[in-house]
Amino acid sequence: MRTFPIFRRITRDAYLRAGHFAADHPYMSVLEDVEHRAEHAEVWVAEAAGKVVAAVALTFAGRPCSEIARDGELEFRMLAVDPAHQGGGVGRAVVREIVKHARQLPGVEAISITSATFMERAHTLYESLGFRRAPERDWCVPAEDVLLWVFRLELAG
């Protein structure tokens, strides 16, 4: 896919610029492995003025890229907006498209997302779009002291 290098740069830059991880953090190699995501998940990019400005991966329960999806849930992961385009509603537009897409998928009743406790901007976005915390599903990264919160959006109604 010709957008892999762009997808990789946007994801890396978004996470680094936000201060979520240092460049040498082991998770950065996971974030940069867009080929794996493209092989095992549905990869979306968003464009503005003909340029890729955001990327995200969509997956389902039991697939290699899934962390938390249960049967009947669409999970999205690693939503990243190019830092040069943050604050302009790109992330919100991507999540709205994910919700619209999920509503058209047979058997999908909810959307789930994991977010580290320190990703406050993401939490604000998800909650403003109707996602609610599912604290009973929160989990810790193995061998690290990082708590991950689960957010879920019910699609019924």
N, C-alpha and C. Protein backbone atom coordinates (compact mmCIF):
# COMPACT_ATOMS: atom_id res chain seq x y z
N MET A 1 0.86 -1.18 0.00
CA MET A 1 0.00 0.00 0.00
C MET A 1 0.90 1.24 0.00
N ARG A 2 0.66 2.11 -0.92
CA ARG A 2 1.53 3.27 -1.07
C ARG A 2 1.45 4.23 0.12
N THR A 3 0.43 4.13 0.95
CA THR A 3 0.29 5.04 2.08
C THR A 3 0.97 4.53 3.35
N PHE A 4 1.58 3.33 3.33
CA PHE A 4 2.21 2.80 4.54
C PHE A 4 3.21 3.78 5.16
N PRO A 5 4.14 4.34 4.40
CA PRO A 5 5.10 5.28 5.02
C PRO A 5 4.40 6.50 5.63
N ILE A 6 3.36 6.98 4.97
CA ILE A 6 2.63 8.14 5.49
C ILE A 6 1.88 7.75 6.76
N PHE A 7 1.21 6.60 6.73
CA PHE A 7 0.47 6.07 7.87
C PHE A 7 1.43 5.93 9.06
N ARG A 8 2.61 5.36 8.80
CA ARG A 8 3.61 5.16 9.85
C ARG A 8 4.06 6.49 10.44
N ARG A 9 4.35 7.46 9.58
CA ARG A 9 4.80 8.78 10.06
C ARG A 9 3.73 9.47 10.89
N ILE A 10 2.51 9.46 10.41
CA ILE A 10 1.42 10.12 11.14
C ILE A 10 1.24 9.48 12.51
N THR A 11 1.22 8.17 12.56
CA THR A 11 1.03 7.48 13.83
C THR A 11 2.18 7.79 14.78
N ARG A 12 3.40 7.64 14.29
CA ARG A 12 4.58 7.92 15.12
C ARG A 12 4.54 9.37 15.63
N ASP A 13 4.36 10.31 14.71
CA ASP A 13 4.39 11.72 15.08
C ASP A 13 3.29 12.09 16.06
N ALA A 14 2.10 11.54 15.86
CA ALA A 14 0.98 11.85 16.76
C ALA A 14 1.26 11.38 18.19
N TYR A 15 1.77 10.17 18.33
CA TYR A 15 2.04 9.64 19.66
C TYR A 15 3.24 10.34 20.31
N LEU A 16 4.27 10.62 19.52
CA LEU A 16 5.44 11.31 20.07
C LEU A 16 5.12 12.75 20.45
N ARG A 17 4.44 13.47 19.56
CA ARG A 17 4.12 14.88 19.82
C ARG A 17 3.23 15.03 21.05
N ALA A 18 2.33 14.07 21.25
CA ALA A 18 1.45 14.12 22.43
C ALA A 18 2.21 13.77 23.71
N GLY A 19 3.42 13.25 23.56
CA GLY A 19 4.20 12.88 24.74
C GLY A 19 3.79 11.56 25.35
N HIS A 20 3.05 10.75 24.59
CA HIS A 20 2.58 9.47 25.13
C HIS A 20 3.71 8.49 25.35
N PHE A 21 4.68 8.49 24.44
CA PHE A 21 5.81 7.56 24.53
C PHE A 21 7.07 8.26 24.03
N ALA A 22 8.21 7.78 24.52
CA ALA A 22 9.50 8.23 23.99
C ALA A 22 9.77 7.44 22.71
N ALA A 23 10.61 7.97 21.85
CA ALA A 23 10.90 7.34 20.56
C ALA A 23 11.46 5.93 20.71
N ASP A 24 12.13 5.64 21.82
CA ASP A 24 12.71 4.32 22.02
C ASP A 24 11.83 3.37 22.84
N HIS A 25 10.61 3.79 23.13
CA HIS A 25 9.70 2.92 23.89
C HIS A 25 9.34 1.70 23.02
N PRO A 26 9.29 0.51 23.62
CA PRO A 26 8.99 -0.70 22.83
C PRO A 26 7.66 -0.64 22.07
N TYR A 27 6.67 0.09 22.59
CA TYR A 27 5.37 0.15 21.90
C TYR A 27 5.46 0.92 20.58
N MET A 28 6.46 1.77 20.44
CA MET A 28 6.60 2.50 19.18
C MET A 28 6.77 1.55 18.00
N SER A 29 7.45 0.42 18.21
CA SER A 29 7.62 -0.53 17.10
C SER A 29 6.27 -1.15 16.72
N VAL A 30 5.38 -1.31 17.69
CA VAL A 30 4.03 -1.81 17.39
C VAL A 30 3.25 -0.75 16.61
N LEU A 31 3.34 0.49 17.05
CA LEU A 31 2.64 1.58 16.37
C LEU A 31 3.14 1.74 14.93
N GLU A 32 4.41 1.52 14.72
CA GLU A 32 4.99 1.70 13.39
C GLU A 32 4.80 0.51 12.46
N ASP A 33 4.32 -0.61 12.98
CA ASP A 33 4.15 -1.82 12.16
C ASP A 33 2.80 -1.79 11.43
N VAL A 34 2.68 -0.88 10.49
CA VAL A 34 1.42 -0.73 9.76
C VAL A 34 1.17 -1.92 8.83
N GLU A 35 2.22 -2.58 8.40
CA GLU A 35 2.04 -3.75 7.55
C GLU A 35 1.28 -4.84 8.29
N HIS A 36 1.61 -5.05 9.56
CA HIS A 36 0.91 -6.05 10.37
C HIS A 36 -0.56 -5.67 10.52
N ARG A 37 -0.82 -4.41 10.82
CA ARG A 37 -2.21 -3.96 10.97
C ARG A 37 -2.98 -4.15 9.67
N ALA A 38 -2.35 -3.80 8.55
CA ALA A 38 -3.03 -3.92 7.26
C ALA A 38 -3.32 -5.38 6.92
N GLU A 39 -2.47 -6.28 7.38
CA GLU A 39 -2.68 -7.70 7.13
C GLU A 39 -3.78 -8.29 8.01
N HIS A 40 -3.93 -7.76 9.23
CA HIS A 40 -4.82 -8.38 10.20
C HIS A 40 -6.00 -7.51 10.64
N ALA A 41 -6.13 -6.33 10.08
CA ALA A 41 -7.23 -5.43 10.45
C ALA A 41 -7.59 -4.61 9.21
N GLU A 42 -8.66 -3.87 9.34
CA GLU A 42 -9.05 -2.95 8.27
C GLU A 42 -8.41 -1.61 8.59
N VAL A 43 -7.58 -1.10 7.71
CA VAL A 43 -6.87 0.14 7.93
C VAL A 43 -7.56 1.26 7.15
N TRP A 44 -7.86 2.32 7.84
CA TRP A 44 -8.47 3.48 7.20
C TRP A 44 -7.50 4.66 7.29
N VAL A 45 -7.54 5.50 6.28
CA VAL A 45 -6.86 6.79 6.35
C VAL A 45 -7.89 7.86 6.01
N ALA A 46 -7.67 9.04 6.56
CA ALA A 46 -8.53 10.19 6.26
C ALA A 46 -7.69 11.20 5.50
N GLU A 47 -8.31 11.83 4.53
CA GLU A 47 -7.62 12.82 3.71
C GLU A 47 -8.26 14.19 3.87
N ALA A 48 -7.43 15.20 3.72
CA ALA A 48 -7.89 16.59 3.66
C ALA A 48 -7.04 17.27 2.60
N ALA A 49 -7.70 17.93 1.68
CA ALA A 49 -7.01 18.62 0.58
C ALA A 49 -6.04 17.68 -0.15
N GLY A 50 -6.46 16.42 -0.32
CA GLY A 50 -5.67 15.46 -1.07
C GLY A 50 -4.49 14.86 -0.32
N LYS A 51 -4.35 15.15 0.97
CA LYS A 51 -3.26 14.60 1.77
C LYS A 51 -3.81 13.73 2.88
N VAL A 52 -3.11 12.62 3.17
CA VAL A 52 -3.50 11.76 4.29
C VAL A 52 -3.18 12.50 5.58
N VAL A 53 -4.19 12.63 6.45
CA VAL A 53 -4.02 13.39 7.69
C VAL A 53 -4.35 12.58 8.94
N ALA A 54 -4.88 11.36 8.77
CA ALA A 54 -5.21 10.54 9.93
C ALA A 54 -5.22 9.08 9.52
N ALA A 55 -5.07 8.22 10.51
CA ALA A 55 -5.09 6.78 10.28
C ALA A 55 -5.68 6.08 11.50
N VAL A 56 -6.28 4.92 11.23
CA VAL A 56 -6.88 4.13 12.31
C VAL A 56 -7.02 2.69 11.81
N ALA A 57 -7.06 1.75 12.74
CA ALA A 57 -7.27 0.34 12.41
C ALA A 57 -8.57 -0.13 13.04
N LEU A 58 -9.36 -0.92 12.29
CA LEU A 58 -10.61 -1.48 12.77
C LEU A 58 -10.47 -3.00 12.81
N THR A 59 -10.98 -3.61 13.87
CA THR A 59 -10.85 -5.05 14.02
C THR A 59 -12.02 -5.61 14.82
N PHE A 60 -12.05 -6.93 14.92
CA PHE A 60 -13.13 -7.63 15.61
C PHE A 60 -12.55 -8.64 16.58
N ALA A 61 -13.38 -9.15 17.47
CA ALA A 61 -12.99 -10.15 18.46
C ALA A 61 -12.30 -11.33 17.80
N GLY A 62 -11.23 -11.78 18.42
CA GLY A 62 -10.53 -12.97 17.94
C GLY A 62 -9.52 -12.74 16.84
N ARG A 63 -9.45 -11.54 16.32
CA ARG A 63 -8.47 -11.25 15.26
C ARG A 63 -7.14 -10.84 15.89
N PRO A 64 -6.03 -11.03 15.17
CA PRO A 64 -4.71 -10.76 15.75
C PRO A 64 -4.50 -9.34 16.28
N CYS A 65 -5.16 -8.35 15.71
CA CYS A 65 -4.97 -6.97 16.17
C CYS A 65 -5.92 -6.57 17.29
N SER A 66 -6.86 -7.42 17.61
CA SER A 66 -7.84 -7.08 18.64
C SER A 66 -7.25 -7.24 20.03
N GLU A 67 -7.56 -6.27 20.88
CA GLU A 67 -7.15 -6.36 22.28
C GLU A 67 -8.35 -6.61 23.19
N ILE A 68 -9.47 -5.97 22.89
CA ILE A 68 -10.58 -6.01 23.85
C ILE A 68 -11.94 -6.34 23.25
N ALA A 69 -12.05 -6.37 21.93
CA ALA A 69 -13.37 -6.58 21.31
C ALA A 69 -13.98 -7.89 21.76
N ARG A 70 -15.24 -7.83 22.02
CA ARG A 70 -16.03 -9.02 22.32
C ARG A 70 -16.92 -9.29 21.13
N ASP A 71 -17.53 -10.45 21.11
CA ASP A 71 -18.47 -10.76 20.03
C ASP A 71 -19.50 -9.64 19.94
N GLY A 72 -19.78 -9.21 18.73
CA GLY A 72 -20.76 -8.14 18.51
C GLY A 72 -20.19 -6.74 18.63
N GLU A 73 -18.87 -6.63 18.77
CA GLU A 73 -18.23 -5.32 18.88
C GLU A 73 -17.23 -5.09 17.74
N LEU A 74 -17.20 -3.88 17.27
CA LEU A 74 -16.14 -3.40 16.39
C LEU A 74 -15.17 -2.66 17.29
N GLU A 75 -13.90 -2.98 17.18
CA GLU A 75 -12.87 -2.29 17.96
C GLU A 75 -12.05 -1.43 17.03
N PHE A 76 -11.79 -0.19 17.43
CA PHE A 76 -10.83 0.58 16.65
C PHE A 76 -9.62 0.87 17.52
N ARG A 77 -8.47 0.92 16.84
CA ARG A 77 -7.21 1.05 17.54
C ARG A 77 -6.31 2.05 16.86
N MET A 78 -5.45 2.64 17.66
CA MET A 78 -4.36 3.47 17.17
C MET A 78 -4.83 4.61 16.28
N LEU A 79 -5.90 5.26 16.68
CA LEU A 79 -6.35 6.45 15.96
C LEU A 79 -5.26 7.52 16.09
N ALA A 80 -4.80 8.01 14.99
CA ALA A 80 -3.74 9.02 15.00
C ALA A 80 -4.04 10.09 13.96
N VAL A 81 -3.94 11.34 14.39
CA VAL A 81 -4.13 12.48 13.50
C VAL A 81 -2.79 13.20 13.39
N ASP A 82 -2.40 13.51 12.17
CA ASP A 82 -1.16 14.24 11.93
C ASP A 82 -1.16 15.48 12.83
N PRO A 83 -0.09 15.69 13.61
CA PRO A 83 -0.05 16.85 14.51
C PRO A 83 -0.35 18.18 13.81
N ALA A 84 0.01 18.30 12.54
CA ALA A 84 -0.26 19.53 11.80
C ALA A 84 -1.74 19.76 11.56
N HIS A 85 -2.55 18.73 11.76
CA HIS A 85 -4.00 18.83 11.51
C HIS A 85 -4.84 18.59 12.76
N GLN A 86 -4.19 18.49 13.91
CA GLN A 86 -4.94 18.26 15.14
C GLN A 86 -5.67 19.53 15.56
N GLY A 87 -6.79 19.33 16.24
CA GLY A 87 -7.57 20.45 16.74
C GLY A 87 -8.58 20.99 15.74
N GLY A 88 -8.62 20.42 14.54
CA GLY A 88 -9.53 20.91 13.52
C GLY A 88 -10.72 19.99 13.26
N GLY A 89 -10.90 18.98 14.11
CA GLY A 89 -12.06 18.10 13.98
C GLY A 89 -11.82 16.84 13.16
N VAL A 90 -10.58 16.59 12.76
CA VAL A 90 -10.30 15.40 11.96
C VAL A 90 -10.57 14.13 12.76
N GLY A 91 -10.07 14.06 13.98
CA GLY A 91 -10.30 12.88 14.82
C GLY A 91 -11.78 12.63 15.04
N ARG A 92 -12.52 13.69 15.31
CA ARG A 92 -13.98 13.59 15.50
C ARG A 92 -14.64 13.05 14.24
N ALA A 93 -14.23 13.55 13.08
CA ALA A 93 -14.82 13.10 11.82
C ALA A 93 -14.51 11.62 11.58
N VAL A 94 -13.30 11.18 11.90
CA VAL A 94 -12.94 9.78 11.73
C VAL A 94 -13.79 8.90 12.64
N VAL A 95 -13.92 9.27 13.89
CA VAL A 95 -14.72 8.45 14.82
C VAL A 95 -16.19 8.43 14.37
N ARG A 96 -16.70 9.54 13.91
CA ARG A 96 -18.08 9.57 13.40
C ARG A 96 -18.25 8.62 12.22
N GLU A 97 -17.26 8.57 11.33
CA GLU A 97 -17.32 7.63 10.20
C GLU A 97 -17.26 6.18 10.68
N ILE A 98 -16.47 5.92 11.70
CA ILE A 98 -16.41 4.57 12.27
C ILE A 98 -17.78 4.18 12.83
N VAL A 99 -18.42 5.09 13.54
CA VAL A 99 -19.75 4.82 14.10
C VAL A 99 -20.75 4.56 12.97
N LYS A 100 -20.73 5.40 11.96
CA LYS A 100 -21.62 5.23 10.81
C LYS A 100 -21.40 3.86 10.15
N HIS A 101 -20.15 3.50 9.96
CA HIS A 101 -19.79 2.21 9.38
C HIS A 101 -20.28 1.06 10.25
N ALA A 102 -20.03 1.15 11.54
CA ALA A 102 -20.42 0.08 12.47
C ALA A 102 -21.93 -0.15 12.47
N ARG A 103 -22.69 0.93 12.36
CA ARG A 103 -24.16 0.81 12.35
C ARG A 103 -24.65 0.02 11.13
N GLN A 104 -23.85 -0.05 10.08
CA GLN A 104 -24.23 -0.77 8.87
C GLN A 104 -23.77 -2.23 8.86
N LEU A 105 -22.97 -2.61 9.86
CA LEU A 105 -22.43 -3.97 9.89
C LEU A 105 -23.38 -4.91 10.61
N PRO A 106 -23.76 -6.01 9.97
CA PRO A 106 -24.67 -6.95 10.62
C PRO A 106 -24.01 -7.56 11.86
N GLY A 107 -24.77 -7.62 12.94
CA GLY A 107 -24.30 -8.25 14.16
C GLY A 107 -23.45 -7.37 15.06
N VAL A 108 -23.14 -6.16 14.62
CA VAL A 108 -22.34 -5.27 15.46
C VAL A 108 -23.28 -4.42 16.30
N GLU A 109 -23.13 -4.57 17.61
CA GLU A 109 -24.01 -3.88 18.56
C GLU A 109 -23.32 -2.76 19.32
N ALA A 110 -21.97 -2.73 19.23
CA ALA A 110 -21.22 -1.73 19.99
C ALA A 110 -19.84 -1.54 19.37
N ILE A 111 -19.21 -0.45 19.77
CA ILE A 111 -17.83 -0.15 19.39
C ILE A 111 -17.02 -0.04 20.67
N SER A 112 -15.82 -0.59 20.65
CA SER A 112 -14.96 -0.50 21.83
C SER A 112 -13.60 0.09 21.45
N ILE A 113 -12.98 0.73 22.42
CA ILE A 113 -11.67 1.34 22.24
C ILE A 113 -10.93 1.30 23.57
N THR A 114 -9.63 1.07 23.50
CA THR A 114 -8.77 1.14 24.68
C THR A 114 -8.02 2.46 24.61
N SER A 115 -7.85 3.08 25.78
CA SER A 115 -7.11 4.34 25.83
C SER A 115 -6.35 4.40 27.16
N ALA A 116 -5.08 4.75 27.09
CA ALA A 116 -4.30 4.88 28.32
C ALA A 116 -4.86 6.00 29.18
N THR A 117 -4.72 5.87 30.48
CA THR A 117 -5.28 6.85 31.41
C THR A 117 -4.78 8.27 31.15
N PHE A 118 -3.59 8.41 30.57
CA PHE A 118 -2.99 9.72 30.36
C PHE A 118 -3.42 10.37 29.03
N MET A 119 -4.28 9.72 28.26
CA MET A 119 -4.70 10.26 26.96
C MET A 119 -6.00 11.05 27.10
N GLU A 120 -5.93 12.13 27.89
CA GLU A 120 -7.13 12.90 28.23
C GLU A 120 -7.87 13.48 27.03
N ARG A 121 -7.12 13.97 26.03
CA ARG A 121 -7.79 14.54 24.84
C ARG A 121 -8.65 13.49 24.15
N ALA A 122 -8.13 12.27 24.05
CA ALA A 122 -8.89 11.18 23.44
C ALA A 122 -10.14 10.88 24.25
N HIS A 123 -10.01 10.86 25.58
CA HIS A 123 -11.17 10.58 26.43
C HIS A 123 -12.27 11.61 26.21
N THR A 124 -11.86 12.86 26.14
CA THR A 124 -12.84 13.94 25.91
C THR A 124 -13.55 13.74 24.58
N LEU A 125 -12.81 13.39 23.56
CA LEU A 125 -13.41 13.15 22.23
C LEU A 125 -14.39 11.99 22.31
N TYR A 126 -13.96 10.86 22.84
CA TYR A 126 -14.83 9.67 22.88
C TYR A 126 -16.11 9.95 23.67
N GLU A 127 -15.96 10.57 24.84
CA GLU A 127 -17.14 10.85 25.67
C GLU A 127 -18.08 11.83 24.99
N SER A 128 -17.55 12.80 24.26
CA SER A 128 -18.41 13.77 23.57
C SER A 128 -19.22 13.12 22.45
N LEU A 129 -18.76 11.95 21.98
CA LEU A 129 -19.46 11.23 20.92
C LEU A 129 -20.31 10.08 21.46
N GLY A 130 -20.47 10.04 22.77
CA GLY A 130 -21.37 9.05 23.37
C GLY A 130 -20.71 7.80 23.93
N PHE A 131 -19.40 7.68 23.81
CA PHE A 131 -18.72 6.53 24.40
C PHE A 131 -18.73 6.68 25.91
N ARG A 132 -18.85 5.56 26.59
CA ARG A 132 -18.85 5.55 28.05
C ARG A 132 -17.77 4.61 28.55
N ARG A 133 -17.19 4.97 29.66
CA ARG A 133 -16.19 4.10 30.28
C ARG A 133 -16.83 2.76 30.63
N ALA A 134 -16.04 1.71 30.46
CA ALA A 134 -16.44 0.36 30.88
C ALA A 134 -15.35 -0.11 31.85
N PRO A 135 -15.32 0.46 33.06
CA PRO A 135 -14.22 0.21 33.99
C PRO A 135 -14.03 -1.27 34.36
N GLU A 136 -15.08 -2.04 34.25
CA GLU A 136 -14.95 -3.48 34.54
C GLU A 136 -14.08 -4.19 33.51
N ARG A 137 -13.81 -3.53 32.40
CA ARG A 137 -12.98 -4.11 31.34
C ARG A 137 -11.59 -3.49 31.26
N ASP A 138 -11.29 -2.52 32.12
CA ASP A 138 -9.96 -1.92 32.14
C ASP A 138 -8.91 -3.00 32.36
N TRP A 139 -7.71 -2.75 31.87
CA TRP A 139 -6.65 -3.75 31.99
C TRP A 139 -5.28 -3.08 32.03
N CYS A 140 -4.29 -3.80 32.49
CA CYS A 140 -2.92 -3.29 32.57
C CYS A 140 -2.07 -3.95 31.49
N VAL A 141 -1.16 -3.18 30.94
CA VAL A 141 -0.21 -3.71 29.97
C VAL A 141 0.69 -4.69 30.71
N PRO A 142 0.80 -5.91 30.20
CA PRO A 142 1.67 -6.89 30.87
C PRO A 142 3.11 -6.37 31.03
N ALA A 143 3.67 -6.57 32.21
CA ALA A 143 5.05 -6.20 32.55
C ALA A 143 5.29 -4.69 32.59
N GLU A 144 4.24 -3.89 32.54
CA GLU A 144 4.39 -2.44 32.64
C GLU A 144 3.35 -1.91 33.62
N ASP A 145 3.59 -0.75 34.13
CA ASP A 145 2.66 -0.14 35.07
C ASP A 145 1.79 0.88 34.33
N VAL A 146 1.09 0.40 33.29
CA VAL A 146 0.25 1.27 32.47
C VAL A 146 -1.18 0.72 32.50
N LEU A 147 -2.08 1.50 33.07
CA LEU A 147 -3.49 1.13 33.12
C LEU A 147 -4.17 1.62 31.85
N LEU A 148 -4.92 0.75 31.22
CA LEU A 148 -5.67 1.10 30.02
C LEU A 148 -7.16 1.08 30.32
N TRP A 149 -7.82 2.15 29.93
CA TRP A 149 -9.25 2.24 30.12
C TRP A 149 -9.96 1.76 28.86
N VAL A 150 -11.12 1.18 29.04
CA VAL A 150 -11.95 0.76 27.92
C VAL A 150 -13.15 1.70 27.83
N PHE A 151 -13.41 2.17 26.63
CA PHE A 151 -14.59 2.98 26.34
C PHE A 151 -15.45 2.17 25.37
N ARG A 152 -16.76 2.33 25.49
CA ARG A 152 -17.68 1.55 24.66
C ARG A 152 -18.85 2.42 24.25
N LEU A 153 -19.28 2.24 23.02
CA LEU A 153 -20.47 2.94 22.52
C LEU A 153 -21.48 1.90 22.10
N GLU A 154 -22.63 1.91 22.75
CA GLU A 154 -23.75 1.04 22.37
C GLU A 154 -24.39 1.62 21.11
N LEU A 155 -24.66 0.77 20.13
CA LEU A 155 -25.22 1.25 18.88
C LEU A 155 -26.74 1.14 18.82
N ALA A 156 -27.34 0.43 19.76
CA ALA A 156 -28.80 0.27 19.76
C ALA A 156 -29.47 1.63 19.93
N GLY A 157 -30.57 1.80 19.21
CA GLY A 157 -31.37 3.00 19.38
C GLY A 157 -31.08 4.10 18.50
